Amino acid sequence: MRAQKRLIAAALSAVLFASLLLVAGCAPSPEETEQEKEYYERKYADEPEPTGDVARLLDVLDGCVGGQYVFAGQGNQVTHLFIDTMYKKYPDYFSDGRLEYLRAIADNAAKNGYDYPEDYAWDCSGLWWYAASDVLNLYGKPVDRTAQDTYDDFCTPITKDELRPGDLVFVENKDGKITHMGIVGRNGYIYEAVNGFCGVVLKRTIDKRVYYNIVHPGKVYVGANWNKFGRPKIFE
């Protein structure tokens, strides 16, 4: 009986170990596989180079990559006053080390001066409105709207297959509410103020949203895939 129990225990341990290996092997990675790279190279080989206002927009967004994420940010300096103001309004966006991370940035910037973009902050819709409205003045007046408003009031719905640089991608939740957005760049790359764990990135997340966690190095963040798509009316 004891021998049988030992055999069962050994078998269960082997199954558990194999399961752990399988999970580790299937863990999402922010890096593209070689197969994915080859696929995207073929897919976007003939994509025209953006021109005009779209090209200017992407140039502005290039300068934002590496910045921070703060809810309601639209190119704001990461000061203690800004952090404390936003923390009082939206405390849920500063949990799990994010508040301490941002305060350390504010401390360093106060002592050594503000570097752009790493000492500045945006949120997902704020990134678009900062570039399109605040910097380029494409709307003729300052605009600051949510992701939902941006889709509803400023975009024409399109399909994923119709996407081109300058278009917008969105995440709609199960309740039909748009909660997040990004901006399409060249060759399937997306400009995105992801969240307080990941900051502002330029990644090829058109088919999968996996990111490095800059607050907790070694961890990754996996987001819901883009499922709504829009063309800004100013680019039609």
C-alpha atoms as a PDB file:
ATOM      1  CA  MET A   1       0.000   0.000   0.000  1.00  0.00           C
ATOM      2  CA  ARG A   2       2.805   2.393   0.937  1.00  0.00           C
ATOM      3  CA  ALA A   3       4.619   1.566  -2.301  1.00  0.00           C
ATOM      4  CA  GLN A   4       1.438   2.284  -4.245  1.00  0.00           C
ATOM      5  CA  LYS A   5       1.042   5.640  -2.487  1.00  0.00           C
ATOM      6  CA  ARG A   6       4.632   6.525  -3.288  1.00  0.00           C
ATOM      7  CA  LEU A   7       4.042   5.696  -6.957  1.00  0.00           C
ATOM      8  CA  ILE A   8       0.898   7.842  -7.038  1.00  0.00           C
ATOM      9  CA  ALA A   9       2.707  10.728  -5.339  1.00  0.00           C
ATOM     10  CA  ALA A  10       5.585  10.461  -7.797  1.00  0.00           C
ATOM     11  CA  ALA A  11       3.192  10.435 -10.734  1.00  0.00           C
ATOM     12  CA  LEU A  12       1.362  13.505  -9.433  1.00  0.00           C
ATOM     13  CA  SER A  13       4.655  15.319  -8.939  1.00  0.00           C
ATOM     14  CA  ALA A  14       5.689  14.516 -12.497  1.00  0.00           C
ATOM     15  CA  VAL A  15       2.380  15.821 -13.847  1.00  0.00           C
ATOM     16  CA  LEU A  16       2.705  19.009 -11.803  1.00  0.00           C
ATOM     17  CA  PHE A  17       6.283  19.573 -12.973  1.00  0.00           C
ATOM     18  CA  ALA A  18       5.309  19.032 -16.598  1.00  0.00           C
ATOM     19  CA  SER A  19       2.408  21.443 -16.171  1.00  0.00           C
ATOM     20  CA  LEU A  20       4.718  24.105 -14.777  1.00  0.00           C
ATOM     21  CA  LEU A  21       7.088  23.668 -17.692  1.00  0.00           C
ATOM     22  CA  LEU A  22       4.192  23.954 -20.113  1.00  0.00           C
ATOM     23  CA  VAL A  23       2.932  27.135 -18.472  1.00  0.00           C
ATOM     24  CA  ALA A  24       6.425  28.638 -18.485  1.00  0.00           C
ATOM     25  CA  GLY A  25       6.895  27.738 -22.123  1.00  0.00           C
ATOM     26  CA  CYS A  26       3.580  29.326 -23.062  1.00  0.00           C
ATOM     27  CA  ALA A  27       4.004  32.457 -20.960  1.00  0.00           C
ATOM     28  CA  PRO A  28       3.316  35.556 -23.069  1.00  0.00           C
ATOM     29  CA  SER A  29       6.348  37.536 -24.160  1.00  0.00           C
ATOM     30  CA  PRO A  30       6.561  41.160 -25.301  1.00  0.00           C
ATOM     31  CA  GLU A  31       9.029  40.089 -27.967  1.00  0.00           C
ATOM     32  CA  GLU A  32       7.998  39.028 -31.457  1.00  0.00           C
ATOM     33  CA  THR A  33       8.871  35.561 -32.647  1.00  0.00           C
ATOM     34  CA  GLU A  34      10.834  35.187 -35.876  1.00  0.00           C
ATOM     35  CA  GLN A  35       7.690  33.847 -37.500  1.00  0.00           C
ATOM     36  CA  GLU A  36       5.757  36.937 -36.438  1.00  0.00           C
ATOM     37  CA  LYS A  37       8.481  39.267 -37.735  1.00  0.00           C
ATOM     38  CA  GLU A  38       8.481  37.548 -41.113  1.00  0.00           C
ATOM     39  CA  TYR A  39       4.686  37.716 -41.266  1.00  0.00           C
ATOM     40  CA  TYR A  40       4.622  41.464 -40.578  1.00  0.00           C
ATOM     41  CA  GLU A  41       7.455  42.177 -42.994  1.00  0.00           C
ATOM     42  CA  ARG A  42       5.419  40.545 -45.743  1.00  0.00           C
ATOM     43  CA  LYS A  43       2.162  42.162 -44.682  1.00  0.00           C
ATOM     44  CA  TYR A  44       3.498  45.710 -44.615  1.00  0.00           C
ATOM     45  CA  ALA A  45       6.089  45.473 -47.390  1.00  0.00           C
ATOM     46  CA  ASP A  46       4.080  47.710 -49.729  1.00  0.00           C
ATOM     47  CA  GLU A  47       2.663  50.131 -47.160  1.00  0.00           C
ATOM     48  CA  PRO A  48       3.066  53.717 -48.453  1.00  0.00           C
ATOM     49  CA  GLU A  49       5.110  56.114 -46.341  1.00  0.00           C
ATOM     50  CA  PRO A  50       2.798  58.549 -44.496  1.00  0.00           C
ATOM     51  CA  THR A  51       2.792  62.147 -45.702  1.00  0.00           C
ATOM     52  CA  GLY A  52       1.368  65.496 -44.641  1.00  0.00           C
ATOM     53  CA  ASP A  53      -0.378  65.800 -41.286  1.00  0.00           C
ATOM     54  CA  VAL A  54      -0.180  62.058 -40.630  1.00  0.00           C
ATOM     55  CA  ALA A  55       3.602  62.109 -40.994  1.00  0.00           C
ATOM     56  CA  ARG A  56       3.796  65.153 -38.714  1.00  0.00           C
ATOM     57  CA  LEU A  57       1.604  63.385 -36.167  1.00  0.00           C
ATOM     58  CA  LEU A  58       3.850  60.325 -36.104  1.00  0.00           C
ATOM     59  CA  ASP A  59       6.906  62.532 -35.674  1.00  0.00           C
ATOM     60  CA  VAL A  60       5.341  64.103 -32.576  1.00  0.00           C
ATOM     61  CA  LEU A  61       4.382  60.702 -31.194  1.00  0.00           C
ATOM     62  CA  ASP A  62       7.912  59.384 -31.748  1.00  0.00           C
ATOM     63  CA  GLY A  63       9.056  62.013 -29.277  1.00  0.00           C
ATOM     64  CA  CYS A  64       6.580  60.815 -26.631  1.00  0.00           C
ATOM     65  CA  VAL A  65       7.764  57.196 -26.570  1.00  0.00           C
ATOM     66  CA  GLY A  66       9.405  56.467 -23.236  1.00  0.00           C
ATOM     67  CA  GLY A  67       7.149  58.848 -21.338  1.00  0.00           C
ATOM     68  CA  GLN A  68       5.057  57.968 -18.304  1.00  0.00           C
ATOM     69  CA  TYR A  69       1.371  57.151 -17.899  1.00  0.00           C
ATOM     70  CA  VAL A  70      -0.790  59.130 -15.499  1.00  0.00           C
ATOM     71  CA  PHE A  71      -4.562  59.005 -15.809  1.00  0.00           C
ATOM     72  CA  ALA A  72      -5.812  62.320 -17.275  1.00  0.00           C
ATOM     73  CA  GLY A  73      -2.284  63.258 -18.355  1.00  0.00           C
ATOM     74  CA  GLN A  74      -1.840  65.166 -21.604  1.00  0.00           C
ATOM     75  CA  GLY A  75       1.873  65.938 -21.735  1.00  0.00           C
ATOM     76  CA  ASN A  76       2.083  67.102 -18.114  1.00  0.00           C
ATOM     77  CA  GLN A  77       5.340  67.320 -16.207  1.00  0.00           C
ATOM     78  CA  VAL A  78       5.501  64.641 -13.508  1.00  0.00           C
ATOM     79  CA  THR A  79       5.564  66.988 -10.521  1.00  0.00           C
ATOM     80  CA  HIS A  80       4.519  66.161  -6.975  1.00  0.00           C
ATOM     81  CA  LEU A  81       1.634  68.617  -7.331  1.00  0.00           C
ATOM     82  CA  PHE A  82       0.376  66.878 -10.469  1.00  0.00           C
ATOM     83  CA  ILE A  83       0.765  63.404  -8.931  1.00  0.00           C
ATOM     84  CA  ASP A  84      -0.990  64.376  -5.697  1.00  0.00           C
ATOM     85  CA  THR A  85      -3.837  66.070  -7.573  1.00  0.00           C
ATOM     86  CA  MET A  86      -4.454  63.051  -9.794  1.00  0.00           C
ATOM     87  CA  TYR A  87      -4.012  60.625  -6.893  1.00  0.00           C
ATOM     88  CA  LYS A  88      -6.785  62.346  -4.941  1.00  0.00           C
ATOM     89  CA  LYS A  89      -9.105  62.151  -7.953  1.00  0.00           C
ATOM     90  CA  TYR A  90      -8.210  58.663  -9.229  1.00  0.00           C
ATOM     91  CA  PRO A  91      -6.533  56.639  -6.441  1.00  0.00           C
ATOM     92  CA  ASP A  92      -7.122  53.287  -8.158  1.00  0.00           C
ATOM     93  CA  TYR A  93      -4.647  54.247 -10.895  1.00  0.00           C
ATOM     94  CA  PHE A  94      -1.788  54.596  -8.402  1.00  0.00           C
ATOM     95  CA  SER A  95      -1.854  51.219  -6.637  1.00  0.00           C
ATOM     96  CA  ASP A  96       0.723  48.424  -6.506  1.00  0.00           C
ATOM     97  CA  GLY A  97       3.845  50.564  -6.536  1.00  0.00           C
ATOM     98  CA  ARG A  98       2.797  53.055  -9.193  1.00  0.00           C
ATOM     99  CA  LEU A  99       2.508  55.993  -6.783  1.00  0.00           C
ATOM    100  CA  GLU A 100       5.986  55.386  -5.372  1.00  0.00           C
ATOM    101  CA  TYR A 101       7.420  54.942  -8.869  1.00  0.00           C
ATOM    102  CA  LEU A 102       6.055  58.292 -10.038  1.00  0.00           C
ATOM    103  CA  ARG A 103       7.108  60.108  -6.878  1.00  0.00           C
ATOM    104  CA  ALA A 104      10.664  58.882  -7.411  1.00  0.00           C
ATOM    105  CA  ILE A 105      10.559  60.343 -10.930  1.00  0.00           C
ATOM    106  CA  ALA A 106       9.279  63.656  -9.560  1.00  0.00           C
ATOM    107  CA  ASP A 107      12.023  63.699  -6.914  1.00  0.00           C
ATOM    108  CA  ASN A 108      14.747  63.111  -9.485  1.00  0.00           C
ATOM    109  CA  ALA A 109      13.341  65.671 -11.924  1.00  0.00           C
ATOM    110  CA  ALA A 110      13.041  68.316  -9.210  1.00  0.00           C
ATOM    111  CA  LYS A 111      16.729  67.859  -8.379  1.00  0.00           C
ATOM    112  CA  ASN A 112      18.172  67.389 -11.865  1.00  0.00           C
ATOM    113  CA  GLY A 113      15.709  69.055 -14.214  1.00  0.00           C
ATOM    114  CA  TYR A 114      12.955  67.639 -16.404  1.00  0.00           C
ATOM    115  CA  ASP A 115      13.936  65.437 -19.325  1.00  0.00           C
ATOM    116  CA  TYR A 116      11.511  64.874 -22.205  1.00  0.00           C
ATOM    117  CA  PRO A 117       9.693  62.543 -22.516  1.00  0.00           C
ATOM    118  CA  GLU A 118      10.612  60.384 -19.501  1.00  0.00           C
ATOM    119  CA  ASP A 119       9.560  63.032 -16.955  1.00  0.00           C
ATOM    120  CA  TYR A 120       6.246  63.801 -18.677  1.00  0.00           C
ATOM    121  CA  ALA A 121       2.958  61.894 -18.624  1.00  0.00           C
ATOM    122  CA  TRP A 122       0.002  61.042 -20.825  1.00  0.00           C
ATOM    123  CA  ASP A 123      -2.993  58.741 -20.684  1.00  0.00           C
ATOM    124  CA  CYS A 124      -4.344  56.821 -23.671  1.00  0.00           C
ATOM    125  CA  SER A 125      -6.609  59.504 -25.137  1.00  0.00           C
ATOM    126  CA  GLY A 126      -4.370  62.290 -23.853  1.00  0.00           C
ATOM    127  CA  LEU A 127      -1.566  61.014 -26.071  1.00  0.00           C
ATOM    128  CA  TRP A 128      -3.714  61.494 -29.188  1.00  0.00           C
ATOM    129  CA  TRP A 129      -5.087  64.876 -28.183  1.00  0.00           C
ATOM    130  CA  TYR A 130      -1.667  66.123 -27.116  1.00  0.00           C
ATOM    131  CA  ALA A 131      -0.185  65.340 -30.539  1.00  0.00           C
ATOM    132  CA  ALA A 132      -3.164  66.140 -32.772  1.00  0.00           C
ATOM    133  CA  SER A 133      -4.559  69.139 -30.901  1.00  0.00           C
ATOM    134  CA  ASP A 134      -2.042  70.656 -28.496  1.00  0.00           C
ATOM    135  CA  VAL A 135       1.052  70.375 -30.718  1.00  0.00           C
ATOM    136  CA  LEU A 136      -0.262  70.278 -34.294  1.00  0.00           C
ATOM    137  CA  ASN A 137      -3.528  72.203 -33.789  1.00  0.00           C
ATOM    138  CA  LEU A 138      -5.315  69.970 -36.296  1.00  0.00           C
ATOM    139  CA  TYR A 139      -8.690  70.788 -34.726  1.00  0.00           C
ATOM    140  CA  GLY A 140      -8.232  74.556 -34.582  1.00  0.00           C
ATOM    141  CA  LYS A 141      -8.823  74.688 -30.827  1.00  0.00           C
ATOM    142  CA  PRO A 142      -7.679  72.757 -27.727  1.00  0.00           C
ATOM    143  CA  VAL A 143      -9.507  69.455 -27.298  1.00  0.00           C
ATOM    144  CA  ASP A 144      -9.346  66.894 -24.484  1.00  0.00           C
ATOM    145  CA  ARG A 145     -11.777  63.982 -24.728  1.00  0.00           C
ATOM    146  CA  THR A 146     -12.045  60.425 -23.447  1.00  0.00           C
ATOM    147  CA  ALA A 147     -11.402  57.348 -25.580  1.00  0.00           C
ATOM    148  CA  GLN A 148     -15.169  56.797 -25.814  1.00  0.00           C
ATOM    149  CA  ASP A 149     -15.791  60.373 -26.982  1.00  0.00           C
ATOM    150  CA  THR A 150     -12.904  60.169 -29.425  1.00  0.00           C
ATOM    151  CA  TYR A 151     -14.426  57.122 -31.105  1.00  0.00           C
ATOM    152  CA  ASP A 152     -18.026  58.356 -31.001  1.00  0.00           C
ATOM    153  CA  ASP A 153     -17.528  61.982 -32.016  1.00  0.00           C
ATOM    154  CA  PHE A 154     -14.277  62.236 -33.951  1.00  0.00           C
ATOM    155  CA  CYS A 155     -13.918  58.955 -35.887  1.00  0.00           C
ATOM    156  CA  THR A 156     -15.546  57.055 -38.710  1.00  0.00           C
ATOM    157  CA  PRO A 157     -15.739  53.334 -37.841  1.00  0.00           C
ATOM    158  CA  ILE A 158     -13.564  51.104 -40.032  1.00  0.00           C
ATOM    159  CA  THR A 159     -12.466  47.474 -39.985  1.00  0.00           C
ATOM    160  CA  LYS A 160      -9.146  46.153 -38.762  1.00  0.00           C
ATOM    161  CA  ASP A 161      -8.152  45.341 -42.341  1.00  0.00           C
ATOM    162  CA  GLU A 162      -8.638  48.985 -43.347  1.00  0.00           C
ATOM    163  CA  LEU A 163      -6.189  50.365 -40.784  1.00  0.00           C
ATOM    164  CA  ARG A 164      -3.449  52.684 -41.979  1.00  0.00           C
ATOM    165  CA  PRO A 165      -1.036  55.049 -40.196  1.00  0.00           C
ATOM    166  CA  GLY A 166      -2.891  57.774 -38.314  1.00  0.00           C
ATOM    167  CA  ASP A 167      -5.945  55.618 -37.595  1.00  0.00           C
ATOM    168  CA  LEU A 168      -7.042  54.792 -34.060  1.00  0.00           C
ATOM    169  CA  VAL A 169      -7.541  51.455 -32.321  1.00  0.00           C
ATOM    170  CA  PHE A 170      -9.759  50.902 -29.300  1.00  0.00           C
ATOM    171  CA  VAL A 171     -10.669  48.358 -26.645  1.00  0.00           C
ATOM    172  CA  GLU A 172     -14.387  47.920 -26.026  1.00  0.00           C
ATOM    173  CA  ASN A 173     -15.299  45.962 -22.894  1.00  0.00           C
ATOM    174  CA  LYS A 174     -18.076  43.396 -22.518  1.00  0.00           C
ATOM    175  CA  ASP A 175     -20.506  46.142 -21.482  1.00  0.00           C
ATOM    176  CA  GLY A 176     -19.975  47.986 -24.751  1.00  0.00           C
ATOM    177  CA  LYS A 177     -17.881  50.774 -23.229  1.00  0.00           C
ATOM    178  CA  ILE A 178     -14.643  51.885 -24.865  1.00  0.00           C
ATOM    179  CA  THR A 179     -11.978  51.943 -22.177  1.00  0.00           C
ATOM    180  CA  HIS A 180      -8.681  52.340 -24.030  1.00  0.00           C
ATOM    181  CA  MET A 181      -7.156  53.513 -27.302  1.00  0.00           C
ATOM    182  CA  GLY A 182      -3.942  53.716 -29.308  1.00  0.00           C
ATOM    183  CA  ILE A 183      -2.674  55.324 -32.506  1.00  0.00           C
ATOM    184  CA  VAL A 184      -1.570  53.365 -35.574  1.00  0.00           C
ATOM    185  CA  GLY A 185       1.984  54.023 -36.729  1.00  0.00           C
ATOM    186  CA  ARG A 186       4.016  52.513 -39.534  1.00  0.00           C
ATOM    187  CA  ASN A 187       4.116  48.784 -40.326  1.00  0.00           C
ATOM    188  CA  GLY A 188       1.593  47.675 -37.716  1.00  0.00           C
ATOM    189  CA  TYR A 189       3.188  49.473 -34.784  1.00  0.00           C
ATOM    190  CA  ILE A 190       0.928  51.195 -32.273  1.00  0.00           C
ATOM    191  CA  TYR A 191       1.691  54.302 -30.215  1.00  0.00           C
ATOM    192  CA  GLU A 192       0.093  53.800 -26.853  1.00  0.00           C
ATOM    193  CA  ALA A 193       0.042  55.178 -23.322  1.00  0.00           C
ATOM    194  CA  VAL A 194      -0.597  51.718 -21.892  1.00  0.00           C
ATOM    195  CA  ASN A 195      -1.003  52.181 -18.139  1.00  0.00           C
ATOM    196  CA  GLY A 196       0.991  53.143 -15.053  1.00  0.00           C
ATOM    197  CA  PHE A 197       2.958  49.897 -15.222  1.00  0.00           C
ATOM    198  CA  CYS A 198       4.143  50.299 -18.823  1.00  0.00           C
ATOM    199  CA  GLY A 199       4.183  53.980 -19.782  1.00  0.00           C
ATOM    200  CA  VAL A 200       4.166  55.244 -23.375  1.00  0.00           C
ATOM    201  CA  VAL A 201       5.344  52.684 -25.913  1.00  0.00           C
ATOM    202  CA  LEU A 202       5.647  52.024 -29.630  1.00  0.00           C
ATOM    203  CA  LYS A 203       5.076  48.317 -30.157  1.00  0.00           C
ATOM    204  CA  ARG A 204       3.575  46.079 -32.805  1.00  0.00           C
ATOM    205  CA  THR A 205       0.508  45.256 -30.736  1.00  0.00           C
ATOM    206  CA  ILE A 206      -1.909  45.097 -33.642  1.00  0.00           C
ATOM    207  CA  ASP A 207      -2.587  41.397 -32.947  1.00  0.00           C
ATOM    208  CA  LYS A 208      -1.427  40.894 -29.333  1.00  0.00           C
ATOM    209  CA  ARG A 209      -0.932  43.318 -26.464  1.00  0.00           C
ATOM    210  CA  VAL A 210       1.961  42.192 -24.261  1.00  0.00           C
ATOM    211  CA  TYR A 211       4.297  44.672 -22.573  1.00  0.00           C
ATOM    212  CA  TYR A 212       7.236  44.922 -20.200  1.00  0.00           C
ATOM    213  CA  ASN A 213       6.309  46.106 -16.700  1.00  0.00           C
ATOM    214  CA  ILE A 214       8.599  49.050 -15.883  1.00  0.00           C
ATOM    215  CA  VAL A 215       7.376  49.369 -12.285  1.00  0.00           C
ATOM    216  CA  HIS A 216       8.054  45.698 -11.518  1.00  0.00           C
ATOM    217  CA  PRO A 217      10.945  44.633 -13.806  1.00  0.00           C
ATOM    218  CA  GLY A 218      10.760  41.022 -14.913  1.00  0.00           C
ATOM    219  CA  LYS A 219       6.972  40.997 -15.069  1.00  0.00           C
ATOM    220  CA  VAL A 220       4.791  41.528 -18.115  1.00  0.00           C
ATOM    221  CA  TYR A 221       1.385  43.058 -18.637  1.00  0.00           C
ATOM    222  CA  VAL A 222      -1.125  41.468 -21.013  1.00  0.00           C
ATOM    223  CA  GLY A 223      -3.947  43.662 -22.280  1.00  0.00           C
ATOM    224  CA  ALA A 224      -7.194  42.899 -24.070  1.00  0.00           C
ATOM    225  CA  ASN A 225      -6.840  42.940 -27.845  1.00  0.00           C
ATOM    226  CA  TRP A 226      -7.971  45.874 -29.945  1.00  0.00           C
ATOM    227  CA  ASN A 227     -11.532  45.262 -31.112  1.00  0.00           C
ATOM    228  CA  LYS A 228     -12.799  48.637 -32.387  1.00  0.00           C
ATOM    229  CA  PHE A 229     -11.189  50.717 -35.094  1.00  0.00           C
ATOM    230  CA  GLY A 230     -11.700  54.263 -36.310  1.00  0.00           C
ATOM    231  CA  ARG A 231     -10.378  56.747 -38.835  1.00  0.00           C
ATOM    232  CA  PRO A 232     -10.085  60.303 -37.514  1.00  0.00           C
ATOM    233  CA  LYS A 233     -12.381  62.498 -39.565  1.00  0.00           C
ATOM    234  CA  ILE A 234      -9.543  64.987 -40.022  1.00  0.00           C
ATOM    235  CA  PHE A 235      -7.686  62.318 -42.047  1.00  0.00           C
ATOM    236  CA  GLU A 236     -10.534  61.240 -44.332  1.00  0.00           C
END
